[in-house]
Amino acid sequence: MTITIETDLKEILDKLDQKIDRQFAQVDRQFEKIDQKIDRMQEDITKLQIGQAKIEGEIKALDNKGSVIQPIITGITVAFVGGGLLALYKYLP
């Protein structure tokens, strides 16, 4: 008793090609999502840097006046940057 299996090689290769194309499309979509998240993170980092520069300028202005508020401003700056980093953490996959 023998069993004969006949398959069309072109048909098998076409199916494999379709599967590979679907996988590549899925990977491309995932990379697009990651790129979007990275772009948002870069925008947030830029905003944080601008905010930090403004706060540093305010600290220098207060320092020139001999203000007692400098440690408070420094604490606020550290809290602001730390909070910003925590906000960025949510974008990580």
N, C-alpha and C. Protein backbone atom coordinates (compact mmCIF):
# COMPACT_ATOMS: atom_id res chain seq x y z
N MET A 1 0.85 -1.16 0.00
CA MET A 1 0.00 0.00 0.00
C MET A 1 0.90 1.24 0.00
N THR A 2 0.80 2.05 -0.99
CA THR A 2 1.60 3.27 -1.10
C THR A 2 0.67 4.48 -1.16
N ILE A 3 1.16 5.55 -0.60
CA ILE A 3 0.41 6.80 -0.61
C ILE A 3 1.18 7.78 -1.48
N THR A 4 0.49 8.37 -2.40
CA THR A 4 1.12 9.33 -3.29
C THR A 4 0.68 10.73 -2.87
N ILE A 5 1.67 11.59 -2.64
CA ILE A 5 1.37 12.98 -2.27
C ILE A 5 1.82 13.86 -3.43
N GLU A 6 0.87 14.58 -3.96
CA GLU A 6 1.20 15.50 -5.04
C GLU A 6 0.91 16.92 -4.57
N THR A 7 1.92 17.74 -4.71
CA THR A 7 1.74 19.15 -4.35
C THR A 7 2.41 20.00 -5.41
N ASP A 8 1.86 21.14 -5.55
CA ASP A 8 2.42 22.08 -6.50
C ASP A 8 3.42 22.94 -5.73
N LEU A 9 4.67 22.90 -6.11
CA LEU A 9 5.73 23.63 -5.42
C LEU A 9 5.46 25.13 -5.44
N LYS A 10 4.98 25.62 -6.55
CA LYS A 10 4.68 27.06 -6.65
C LYS A 10 3.62 27.46 -5.64
N GLU A 11 2.65 26.64 -5.42
CA GLU A 11 1.58 26.92 -4.46
C GLU A 11 2.13 27.00 -3.04
N ILE A 12 3.01 26.08 -2.71
CA ILE A 12 3.62 26.07 -1.37
C ILE A 12 4.47 27.31 -1.18
N LEU A 13 5.27 27.65 -2.18
CA LEU A 13 6.12 28.83 -2.08
C LEU A 13 5.30 30.11 -1.99
N ASP A 14 4.19 30.18 -2.69
CA ASP A 14 3.31 31.35 -2.61
C ASP A 14 2.74 31.51 -1.20
N LYS A 15 2.33 30.40 -0.60
CA LYS A 15 1.80 30.46 0.76
C LYS A 15 2.87 30.92 1.75
N LEU A 16 4.07 30.39 1.59
CA LEU A 16 5.17 30.81 2.46
C LEU A 16 5.48 32.29 2.27
N ASP A 17 5.46 32.73 1.05
CA ASP A 17 5.71 34.14 0.75
C ASP A 17 4.65 35.04 1.39
N GLN A 18 3.41 34.62 1.34
CA GLN A 18 2.34 35.39 1.96
C GLN A 18 2.51 35.47 3.48
N LYS A 19 2.88 34.36 4.09
CA LYS A 19 3.10 34.35 5.53
C LYS A 19 4.26 35.28 5.91
N ILE A 20 5.31 35.22 5.14
CA ILE A 20 6.47 36.08 5.41
C ILE A 20 6.08 37.54 5.24
N ASP A 21 5.31 37.85 4.21
CA ASP A 21 4.87 39.23 4.00
C ASP A 21 4.03 39.73 5.17
N ARG A 22 3.14 38.89 5.69
CA ARG A 22 2.31 39.28 6.83
C ARG A 22 3.17 39.54 8.07
N GLN A 23 4.17 38.70 8.27
CA GLN A 23 5.05 38.89 9.42
C GLN A 23 5.84 40.19 9.31
N PHE A 24 6.36 40.48 8.11
CA PHE A 24 7.09 41.72 7.91
C PHE A 24 6.19 42.93 8.10
N ALA A 25 4.95 42.84 7.64
CA ALA A 25 4.01 43.94 7.81
C ALA A 25 3.74 44.18 9.30
N GLN A 26 3.61 43.11 10.06
CA GLN A 26 3.39 43.24 11.50
C GLN A 26 4.60 43.87 12.18
N VAL A 27 5.77 43.45 11.81
CA VAL A 27 7.00 44.01 12.39
C VAL A 27 7.11 45.49 12.03
N ASP A 28 6.79 45.84 10.79
CA ASP A 28 6.83 47.24 10.37
C ASP A 28 5.87 48.09 11.20
N ARG A 29 4.68 47.59 11.47
CA ARG A 29 3.72 48.34 12.28
C ARG A 29 4.26 48.54 13.69
N GLN A 30 4.89 47.52 14.24
CA GLN A 30 5.45 47.65 15.59
C GLN A 30 6.58 48.67 15.62
N PHE A 31 7.42 48.67 14.59
CA PHE A 31 8.49 49.66 14.52
C PHE A 31 7.93 51.07 14.38
N GLU A 32 6.85 51.24 13.65
CA GLU A 32 6.23 52.55 13.52
C GLU A 32 5.73 53.04 14.87
N LYS A 33 5.12 52.15 15.64
CA LYS A 33 4.64 52.52 16.97
C LYS A 33 5.81 52.93 17.87
N ILE A 34 6.90 52.17 17.80
CA ILE A 34 8.08 52.48 18.61
C ILE A 34 8.66 53.83 18.19
N ASP A 35 8.72 54.08 16.89
CA ASP A 35 9.23 55.36 16.40
C ASP A 35 8.37 56.52 16.90
N GLN A 36 7.06 56.34 16.91
CA GLN A 36 6.17 57.39 17.41
C GLN A 36 6.41 57.65 18.89
N LYS A 37 6.60 56.58 19.65
CA LYS A 37 6.86 56.73 21.08
C LYS A 37 8.19 57.45 21.32
N ILE A 38 9.18 57.10 20.53
CA ILE A 38 10.49 57.75 20.68
C ILE A 38 10.38 59.23 20.32
N ASP A 39 9.62 59.56 19.28
CA ASP A 39 9.43 60.96 18.91
C ASP A 39 8.76 61.73 20.05
N ARG A 40 7.74 61.13 20.67
CA ARG A 40 7.07 61.79 21.79
C ARG A 40 8.03 61.97 22.96
N MET A 41 8.86 60.97 23.21
CA MET A 41 9.83 61.07 24.30
C MET A 41 10.83 62.19 24.03
N GLN A 42 11.27 62.32 22.78
CA GLN A 42 12.21 63.38 22.44
C GLN A 42 11.58 64.75 22.62
N GLU A 43 10.30 64.88 22.25
CA GLU A 43 9.61 66.15 22.47
C GLU A 43 9.50 66.47 23.96
N ASP A 44 9.18 65.47 24.75
CA ASP A 44 9.07 65.68 26.19
C ASP A 44 10.42 66.04 26.81
N ILE A 45 11.46 65.40 26.36
CA ILE A 45 12.80 65.71 26.87
C ILE A 45 13.18 67.14 26.51
N THR A 46 12.85 67.56 25.30
CA THR A 46 13.14 68.93 24.89
C THR A 46 12.39 69.92 25.78
N LYS A 47 11.13 69.62 26.05
CA LYS A 47 10.34 70.50 26.93
C LYS A 47 10.95 70.54 28.34
N LEU A 48 11.39 69.38 28.82
CA LEU A 48 12.02 69.33 30.14
C LEU A 48 13.31 70.15 30.17
N GLN A 49 14.10 70.06 29.11
CA GLN A 49 15.35 70.81 29.06
C GLN A 49 15.08 72.31 29.04
N ILE A 50 14.07 72.72 28.30
CA ILE A 50 13.71 74.14 28.26
C ILE A 50 13.25 74.60 29.64
N GLY A 51 12.39 73.79 30.27
CA GLY A 51 11.92 74.14 31.61
C GLY A 51 13.05 74.20 32.62
N GLN A 52 13.97 73.26 32.51
CA GLN A 52 15.11 73.24 33.42
C GLN A 52 15.98 74.46 33.22
N ALA A 53 16.19 74.85 31.96
CA ALA A 53 17.00 76.04 31.68
C ALA A 53 16.34 77.29 32.26
N LYS A 54 15.02 77.37 32.15
CA LYS A 54 14.32 78.52 32.73
C LYS A 54 14.47 78.54 34.24
N ILE A 55 14.32 77.38 34.86
CA ILE A 55 14.44 77.31 36.31
C ILE A 55 15.86 77.62 36.75
N GLU A 56 16.85 77.13 36.01
CA GLU A 56 18.25 77.43 36.34
C GLU A 56 18.50 78.93 36.24
N GLY A 57 17.92 79.56 35.23
CA GLY A 57 18.05 81.01 35.10
C GLY A 57 17.44 81.73 36.29
N GLU A 58 16.30 81.25 36.74
CA GLU A 58 15.66 81.85 37.91
C GLU A 58 16.50 81.63 39.15
N ILE A 59 17.12 80.46 39.26
CA ILE A 59 17.97 80.18 40.42
C ILE A 59 19.17 81.10 40.42
N LYS A 60 19.78 81.31 39.26
CA LYS A 60 20.94 82.22 39.18
C LYS A 60 20.52 83.64 39.54
N ALA A 61 19.36 84.05 39.09
CA ALA A 61 18.88 85.39 39.44
C ALA A 61 18.66 85.51 40.94
N LEU A 62 18.10 84.48 41.54
CA LEU A 62 17.89 84.50 42.98
C LEU A 62 19.21 84.42 43.74
N ASP A 63 20.16 83.67 43.20
CA ASP A 63 21.47 83.52 43.84
C ASP A 63 22.20 84.86 43.87
N ASN A 64 22.07 85.61 42.78
CA ASN A 64 22.71 86.92 42.74
C ASN A 64 22.13 87.85 43.78
N LYS A 65 20.92 87.64 44.18
CA LYS A 65 20.27 88.48 45.20
C LYS A 65 20.54 87.94 46.60
N GLY A 66 21.18 86.80 46.69
CA GLY A 66 21.47 86.22 48.00
C GLY A 66 20.20 85.69 48.66
N SER A 67 19.34 85.11 47.89
CA SER A 67 18.05 84.65 48.40
C SER A 67 18.18 83.38 49.22
N VAL A 68 17.29 83.23 50.17
CA VAL A 68 17.22 82.03 50.99
C VAL A 68 16.37 80.97 50.29
N ILE A 69 15.68 81.36 49.24
CA ILE A 69 14.75 80.47 48.55
C ILE A 69 15.47 79.48 47.64
N GLN A 70 16.76 79.66 47.42
CA GLN A 70 17.49 78.80 46.48
C GLN A 70 17.34 77.31 46.77
N PRO A 71 17.46 76.84 48.02
CA PRO A 71 17.27 75.40 48.25
C PRO A 71 15.87 74.92 47.88
N ILE A 72 14.89 75.77 48.08
CA ILE A 72 13.52 75.41 47.71
C ILE A 72 13.39 75.29 46.20
N ILE A 73 13.95 76.24 45.47
CA ILE A 73 13.91 76.20 44.01
C ILE A 73 14.66 74.99 43.48
N THR A 74 15.80 74.68 44.11
CA THR A 74 16.56 73.50 43.70
C THR A 74 15.74 72.23 43.92
N GLY A 75 15.05 72.15 45.04
CA GLY A 75 14.19 71.00 45.32
C GLY A 75 13.06 70.89 44.31
N ILE A 76 12.49 72.02 43.95
CA ILE A 76 11.43 72.02 42.94
C ILE A 76 11.97 71.55 41.60
N THR A 77 13.18 72.02 41.26
CA THR A 77 13.80 71.61 40.00
C THR A 77 14.02 70.10 39.97
N VAL A 78 14.54 69.57 41.06
CA VAL A 78 14.78 68.12 41.13
C VAL A 78 13.46 67.37 41.03
N ALA A 79 12.44 67.87 41.70
CA ALA A 79 11.12 67.22 41.64
C ALA A 79 10.55 67.30 40.23
N PHE A 80 10.74 68.44 39.58
CA PHE A 80 10.23 68.63 38.21
C PHE A 80 10.90 67.66 37.25
N VAL A 81 12.22 67.58 37.31
CA VAL A 81 12.95 66.68 36.42
C VAL A 81 12.62 65.22 36.74
N GLY A 82 12.56 64.89 38.03
CA GLY A 82 12.21 63.52 38.42
C GLY A 82 10.81 63.15 37.97
N GLY A 83 9.88 64.06 38.13
CA GLY A 83 8.51 63.81 37.67
C GLY A 83 8.45 63.67 36.17
N GLY A 84 9.25 64.45 35.46
CA GLY A 84 9.29 64.35 34.01
C GLY A 84 9.84 63.01 33.56
N LEU A 85 10.86 62.54 34.25
CA LEU A 85 11.41 61.23 33.90
C LEU A 85 10.40 60.12 34.18
N LEU A 86 9.65 60.25 35.26
CA LEU A 86 8.61 59.26 35.53
C LEU A 86 7.51 59.31 34.47
N ALA A 87 7.21 60.51 33.98
CA ALA A 87 6.21 60.65 32.93
C ALA A 87 6.71 60.00 31.64
N LEU A 88 7.99 60.10 31.38
CA LEU A 88 8.56 59.49 30.18
C LEU A 88 8.59 57.97 30.29
N TYR A 89 8.67 57.47 31.50
CA TYR A 89 8.74 56.03 31.71
C TYR A 89 7.52 55.31 31.16
N LYS A 90 6.38 55.98 31.16
CA LYS A 90 5.16 55.34 30.68
C LYS A 90 5.19 55.09 29.18
N TYR A 91 6.05 55.79 28.45
CA TYR A 91 6.15 55.59 27.01
C TYR A 91 7.03 54.41 26.63
N LEU A 92 7.78 53.91 27.58
CA LEU A 92 8.68 52.79 27.27
C LEU A 92 7.88 51.50 27.12
N PRO A 93 8.27 50.69 26.14
CA PRO A 93 7.51 49.45 25.92
C PRO A 93 7.75 48.43 27.00
